[in-house]
C-alpha cells in the first residue's frame, strides 16, 4: 500500500486529480491511499503519508513542506504544472512512486 498525500490551497481541483490518480493506480494494479488536504493541515496527516505532493499553485511553500517531511524521512515535491493542469493521474502517480523509491 502506497500512501500519497496531496497538499493544496483550497482543494477543488486537487480532489479531481485525486480521483484520476486513484483510477490510474487501480488500472495498474497498484494499491494506494490517495487523499488531499489543505497545506495548513499537513502536520495532521504527514505521519500517514509515504510521499507528499504539492499542487503547483502552492509551490512557493515547497521549502516549508520539505522541512516538515524531512523530519520524518518522507519525500516531498511539487506536481508538474502540465500534469496537474491536464489532470494526468497516471503521470502524477508514477511521479509519486518514483519519489517513494
N, C-alpha and C. Protein backbone atom coordinates (compact mmCIF):
# COMPACT_ATOMS: atom_id res chain seq x y z
N UNK A 1 0.84 -1.19 0.00
CA UNK A 1 0.00 0.00 0.00
C UNK A 1 0.88 1.24 0.00
N UNK A 2 0.66 2.11 -0.96
CA UNK A 2 1.39 3.37 -1.06
C UNK A 2 0.44 4.50 -0.65
N UNK A 3 0.89 5.32 0.28
CA UNK A 3 0.08 6.42 0.80
C UNK A 3 0.58 7.73 0.23
N UNK A 4 -0.23 8.33 -0.65
CA UNK A 4 0.15 9.54 -1.38
C UNK A 4 -0.74 10.69 -0.91
N UNK A 5 -0.10 11.68 -0.30
CA UNK A 5 -0.82 12.84 0.23
C UNK A 5 -0.58 14.04 -0.68
N UNK A 6 -1.65 14.67 -1.12
CA UNK A 6 -1.56 15.88 -1.91
C UNK A 6 -1.93 17.06 -1.02
N UNK A 7 -1.17 18.13 -1.14
CA UNK A 7 -1.46 19.36 -0.40
C UNK A 7 -1.80 20.45 -1.40
N UNK A 8 -2.78 21.24 -1.03
CA UNK A 8 -3.24 22.29 -1.93
C UNK A 8 -3.69 23.50 -1.12
N UNK A 9 -4.20 24.48 -1.81
CA UNK A 9 -4.70 25.69 -1.14
C UNK A 9 -6.14 25.46 -0.68
N UNK A 10 -7.05 25.24 -1.62
CA UNK A 10 -8.46 25.08 -1.28
C UNK A 10 -8.96 23.65 -1.46
N UNK A 11 -8.57 23.00 -2.55
CA UNK A 11 -8.89 21.59 -2.69
C UNK A 11 -9.79 21.18 -3.82
N UNK A 12 -10.39 22.09 -4.54
CA UNK A 12 -11.34 21.69 -5.58
C UNK A 12 -10.65 20.95 -6.74
N UNK A 13 -9.67 21.55 -7.36
CA UNK A 13 -9.02 20.89 -8.49
C UNK A 13 -8.18 19.71 -8.01
N UNK A 14 -7.62 19.80 -6.83
CA UNK A 14 -6.81 18.69 -6.32
C UNK A 14 -7.67 17.47 -6.05
N UNK A 15 -8.90 17.65 -5.60
CA UNK A 15 -9.77 16.50 -5.36
C UNK A 15 -10.10 15.79 -6.67
N UNK A 16 -10.20 16.54 -7.75
CA UNK A 16 -10.42 15.92 -9.06
C UNK A 16 -9.19 15.10 -9.46
N UNK A 17 -8.00 15.65 -9.21
CA UNK A 17 -6.76 14.92 -9.53
C UNK A 17 -6.66 13.65 -8.69
N UNK A 18 -7.06 13.72 -7.42
CA UNK A 18 -7.05 12.53 -6.56
C UNK A 18 -7.88 11.43 -7.19
N UNK A 19 -9.06 11.76 -7.69
CA UNK A 19 -9.94 10.78 -8.33
C UNK A 19 -9.25 10.16 -9.54
N UNK A 20 -8.62 10.99 -10.37
CA UNK A 20 -7.92 10.48 -11.56
C UNK A 20 -6.73 9.60 -11.16
N UNK A 21 -6.03 10.00 -10.11
CA UNK A 21 -4.88 9.21 -9.64
C UNK A 21 -5.33 7.85 -9.12
N UNK A 22 -6.43 7.81 -8.38
CA UNK A 22 -6.94 6.55 -7.85
C UNK A 22 -7.30 5.60 -8.99
N UNK A 23 -7.96 6.14 -10.02
CA UNK A 23 -8.34 5.31 -11.17
C UNK A 23 -7.11 4.78 -11.90
N UNK A 24 -6.09 5.64 -12.05
CA UNK A 24 -4.86 5.22 -12.75
C UNK A 24 -4.14 4.14 -11.95
N UNK A 25 -4.04 4.31 -10.65
CA UNK A 25 -3.35 3.33 -9.81
C UNK A 25 -4.09 2.00 -9.84
N UNK A 26 -5.41 2.06 -9.74
CA UNK A 26 -6.23 0.84 -9.78
C UNK A 26 -6.06 0.11 -11.11
N UNK A 27 -6.03 0.87 -12.20
CA UNK A 27 -5.88 0.27 -13.52
C UNK A 27 -4.52 -0.43 -13.66
N UNK A 28 -3.51 0.08 -12.95
CA UNK A 28 -2.17 -0.52 -12.99
C UNK A 28 -1.96 -1.54 -11.89
N UNK A 29 -3.00 -1.82 -11.11
CA UNK A 29 -2.90 -2.82 -10.05
C UNK A 29 -2.06 -2.37 -8.86
N UNK A 30 -1.99 -1.07 -8.64
CA UNK A 30 -1.20 -0.52 -7.52
C UNK A 30 -2.16 -0.18 -6.39
N UNK A 31 -1.90 -0.76 -5.22
CA UNK A 31 -2.75 -0.49 -4.06
C UNK A 31 -2.31 0.83 -3.42
N UNK A 32 -3.23 1.78 -3.36
CA UNK A 32 -2.88 3.11 -2.85
C UNK A 32 -3.95 3.66 -1.93
N UNK A 33 -3.52 4.60 -1.12
CA UNK A 33 -4.41 5.52 -0.43
C UNK A 33 -3.96 6.89 -0.90
N UNK A 34 -4.85 7.60 -1.56
CA UNK A 34 -4.51 8.92 -2.09
C UNK A 34 -5.56 9.90 -1.56
N UNK A 35 -5.08 10.97 -0.93
CA UNK A 35 -6.01 11.96 -0.40
C UNK A 35 -5.38 13.34 -0.44
N UNK A 36 -6.23 14.35 -0.31
CA UNK A 36 -5.77 15.73 -0.38
C UNK A 36 -6.21 16.49 0.85
N UNK A 37 -5.33 17.37 1.31
CA UNK A 37 -5.64 18.25 2.44
C UNK A 37 -5.09 19.63 2.14
N UNK A 38 -5.60 20.62 2.84
CA UNK A 38 -5.02 21.96 2.75
C UNK A 38 -3.63 21.92 3.34
N UNK A 39 -2.72 22.68 2.78
CA UNK A 39 -1.33 22.65 3.24
C UNK A 39 -1.22 22.99 4.73
N UNK A 40 -2.15 23.78 5.23
CA UNK A 40 -2.13 24.13 6.65
C UNK A 40 -2.41 22.92 7.54
N UNK A 41 -3.02 21.88 6.98
CA UNK A 41 -3.33 20.66 7.74
C UNK A 41 -2.27 19.57 7.58
N UNK A 42 -1.18 19.87 6.91
CA UNK A 42 -0.15 18.87 6.64
C UNK A 42 0.30 18.15 7.90
N UNK A 43 0.56 18.89 8.97
CA UNK A 43 1.10 18.26 10.19
C UNK A 43 0.14 17.23 10.78
N UNK A 44 -1.15 17.35 10.50
CA UNK A 44 -2.14 16.39 11.00
C UNK A 44 -2.19 15.11 10.17
N UNK A 45 -1.55 15.10 9.00
CA UNK A 45 -1.66 13.96 8.08
C UNK A 45 -0.32 13.37 7.66
N UNK A 46 0.78 14.09 7.89
CA UNK A 46 2.07 13.68 7.34
C UNK A 46 2.51 12.30 7.84
N UNK A 47 2.16 11.94 9.06
CA UNK A 47 2.58 10.64 9.59
C UNK A 47 1.96 9.46 8.83
N UNK A 48 0.87 9.69 8.13
CA UNK A 48 0.21 8.63 7.37
C UNK A 48 0.75 8.49 5.96
N UNK A 49 1.58 9.44 5.53
CA UNK A 49 2.00 9.52 4.12
C UNK A 49 3.34 8.85 3.86
N UNK A 50 3.47 8.28 2.65
CA UNK A 50 4.75 7.79 2.15
C UNK A 50 5.42 8.85 1.29
N UNK A 51 4.62 9.78 0.77
CA UNK A 51 5.10 10.87 -0.06
C UNK A 51 4.08 12.00 0.02
N UNK A 52 4.57 13.23 -0.10
CA UNK A 52 3.71 14.41 -0.09
C UNK A 52 3.94 15.18 -1.39
N UNK A 53 2.86 15.46 -2.09
CA UNK A 53 2.93 16.22 -3.33
C UNK A 53 2.17 17.53 -3.18
N UNK A 54 2.76 18.61 -3.66
CA UNK A 54 2.11 19.92 -3.60
C UNK A 54 1.49 20.27 -4.94
N UNK A 55 0.32 20.86 -4.90
CA UNK A 55 -0.25 21.43 -6.11
C UNK A 55 0.64 22.57 -6.56
N UNK A 56 0.81 22.75 -7.87
CA UNK A 56 1.72 23.78 -8.37
C UNK A 56 1.35 25.19 -7.93
N UNK A 57 0.08 25.41 -7.60
CA UNK A 57 -0.34 26.75 -7.18
C UNK A 57 0.23 27.14 -5.81
N UNK A 58 0.73 26.16 -5.06
CA UNK A 58 1.36 26.47 -3.76
C UNK A 58 2.82 26.01 -3.73
N UNK A 59 3.43 25.94 -4.90
CA UNK A 59 4.84 25.52 -4.99
C UNK A 59 5.73 26.41 -4.12
N UNK A 60 5.32 27.65 -3.90
CA UNK A 60 6.12 28.57 -3.08
C UNK A 60 6.26 28.08 -1.64
N UNK A 61 5.44 27.10 -1.22
CA UNK A 61 5.53 26.54 0.13
C UNK A 61 6.38 25.27 0.18
N UNK A 62 7.03 24.93 -0.94
CA UNK A 62 7.76 23.67 -1.03
C UNK A 62 8.85 23.55 0.03
N UNK A 63 9.64 24.59 0.24
CA UNK A 63 10.72 24.51 1.23
C UNK A 63 10.17 24.23 2.62
N UNK A 64 9.08 24.89 2.95
CA UNK A 64 8.43 24.69 4.26
C UNK A 64 7.91 23.26 4.41
N UNK A 65 7.29 22.75 3.36
CA UNK A 65 6.75 21.39 3.37
C UNK A 65 7.88 20.37 3.44
N UNK A 66 8.93 20.58 2.65
CA UNK A 66 10.07 19.65 2.67
C UNK A 66 10.69 19.58 4.06
N UNK A 67 10.73 20.69 4.76
CA UNK A 67 11.29 20.71 6.11
C UNK A 67 10.47 19.82 7.04
N UNK A 68 9.15 19.96 7.00
CA UNK A 68 8.26 19.13 7.83
C UNK A 68 8.43 17.65 7.47
N UNK A 69 8.48 17.36 6.18
CA UNK A 69 8.59 15.97 5.72
C UNK A 69 9.96 15.37 6.01
N UNK A 70 11.01 16.17 5.90
CA UNK A 70 12.37 15.66 6.12
C UNK A 70 12.54 15.14 7.54
N UNK A 71 11.87 15.77 8.49
CA UNK A 71 11.95 15.32 9.89
C UNK A 71 11.42 13.90 10.05
N UNK A 72 10.61 13.46 9.09
CA UNK A 72 10.00 12.13 9.16
C UNK A 72 10.47 11.23 8.01
N UNK A 73 11.52 11.68 7.29
CA UNK A 73 12.06 10.94 6.15
C UNK A 73 11.02 10.64 5.08
N UNK A 74 10.17 11.60 4.81
CA UNK A 74 9.14 11.46 3.79
C UNK A 74 9.49 12.40 2.63
N UNK A 75 9.59 11.87 1.41
CA UNK A 75 9.89 12.74 0.27
C UNK A 75 8.72 13.68 -0.03
N UNK A 76 9.05 14.86 -0.53
CA UNK A 76 8.03 15.84 -0.92
C UNK A 76 8.51 16.60 -2.14
N UNK A 77 7.57 16.93 -3.01
CA UNK A 77 7.89 17.72 -4.19
C UNK A 77 6.60 18.31 -4.75
N UNK A 78 6.76 19.23 -5.69
CA UNK A 78 5.61 19.84 -6.35
C UNK A 78 5.23 19.04 -7.59
N UNK A 79 3.95 18.97 -7.86
CA UNK A 79 3.45 18.30 -9.05
C UNK A 79 3.75 19.17 -10.27
N UNK A 80 4.17 18.53 -11.35
CA UNK A 80 4.43 19.22 -12.61
C UNK A 80 3.18 19.98 -13.04
N UNK A 81 3.36 21.24 -13.42
CA UNK A 81 2.24 22.10 -13.79
C UNK A 81 1.41 21.53 -14.96
N UNK A 82 2.09 21.00 -15.96
CA UNK A 82 1.38 20.45 -17.12
C UNK A 82 0.58 19.21 -16.72
N UNK A 83 1.19 18.32 -15.92
CA UNK A 83 0.48 17.12 -15.47
C UNK A 83 -0.71 17.48 -14.60
N UNK A 84 -0.54 18.49 -13.76
CA UNK A 84 -1.63 18.95 -12.90
C UNK A 84 -2.75 19.57 -13.75
N UNK A 85 -2.36 20.46 -14.66
CA UNK A 85 -3.34 21.16 -15.49
C UNK A 85 -4.13 20.22 -16.39
N UNK A 86 -3.49 19.15 -16.85
CA UNK A 86 -4.17 18.19 -17.72
C UNK A 86 -4.82 17.05 -16.92
N UNK A 87 -4.67 17.13 -15.57
CA UNK A 87 -5.23 16.11 -14.67
C UNK A 87 -4.76 14.72 -15.07
N UNK A 88 -3.46 14.59 -15.36
CA UNK A 88 -2.89 13.32 -15.78
C UNK A 88 -2.56 12.47 -14.55
N UNK A 89 -3.57 11.76 -14.07
CA UNK A 89 -3.44 10.95 -12.87
C UNK A 89 -2.33 9.93 -12.95
N UNK A 90 -2.17 9.30 -14.11
CA UNK A 90 -1.14 8.27 -14.27
C UNK A 90 0.25 8.85 -14.08
N UNK A 91 0.53 9.99 -14.71
CA UNK A 91 1.86 10.59 -14.58
C UNK A 91 2.14 11.03 -13.14
N UNK A 92 1.12 11.56 -12.47
CA UNK A 92 1.33 12.02 -11.10
C UNK A 92 1.54 10.83 -10.16
N UNK A 93 0.81 9.74 -10.37
CA UNK A 93 1.04 8.52 -9.57
C UNK A 93 2.46 8.02 -9.80
N UNK A 94 2.88 7.96 -11.05
CA UNK A 94 4.24 7.48 -11.36
C UNK A 94 5.30 8.39 -10.74
N UNK A 95 5.06 9.69 -10.73
CA UNK A 95 5.98 10.64 -10.10
C UNK A 95 6.06 10.36 -8.60
N UNK A 96 4.91 10.15 -7.98
CA UNK A 96 4.88 9.85 -6.54
C UNK A 96 5.63 8.56 -6.23
N UNK A 97 5.40 7.53 -7.03
CA UNK A 97 6.06 6.25 -6.81
C UNK A 97 7.57 6.36 -6.98
N UNK A 98 8.02 7.18 -7.93
CA UNK A 98 9.45 7.39 -8.13
C UNK A 98 10.06 8.08 -6.90
N UNK A 99 9.34 9.03 -6.32
CA UNK A 99 9.84 9.73 -5.14
C UNK A 99 9.92 8.77 -3.93
N UNK A 100 8.95 7.87 -3.84
CA UNK A 100 8.97 6.89 -2.73
C UNK A 100 10.17 5.97 -2.88
N UNK A 101 10.48 5.62 -4.13
CA UNK A 101 11.65 4.78 -4.39
C UNK A 101 11.39 3.31 -4.47
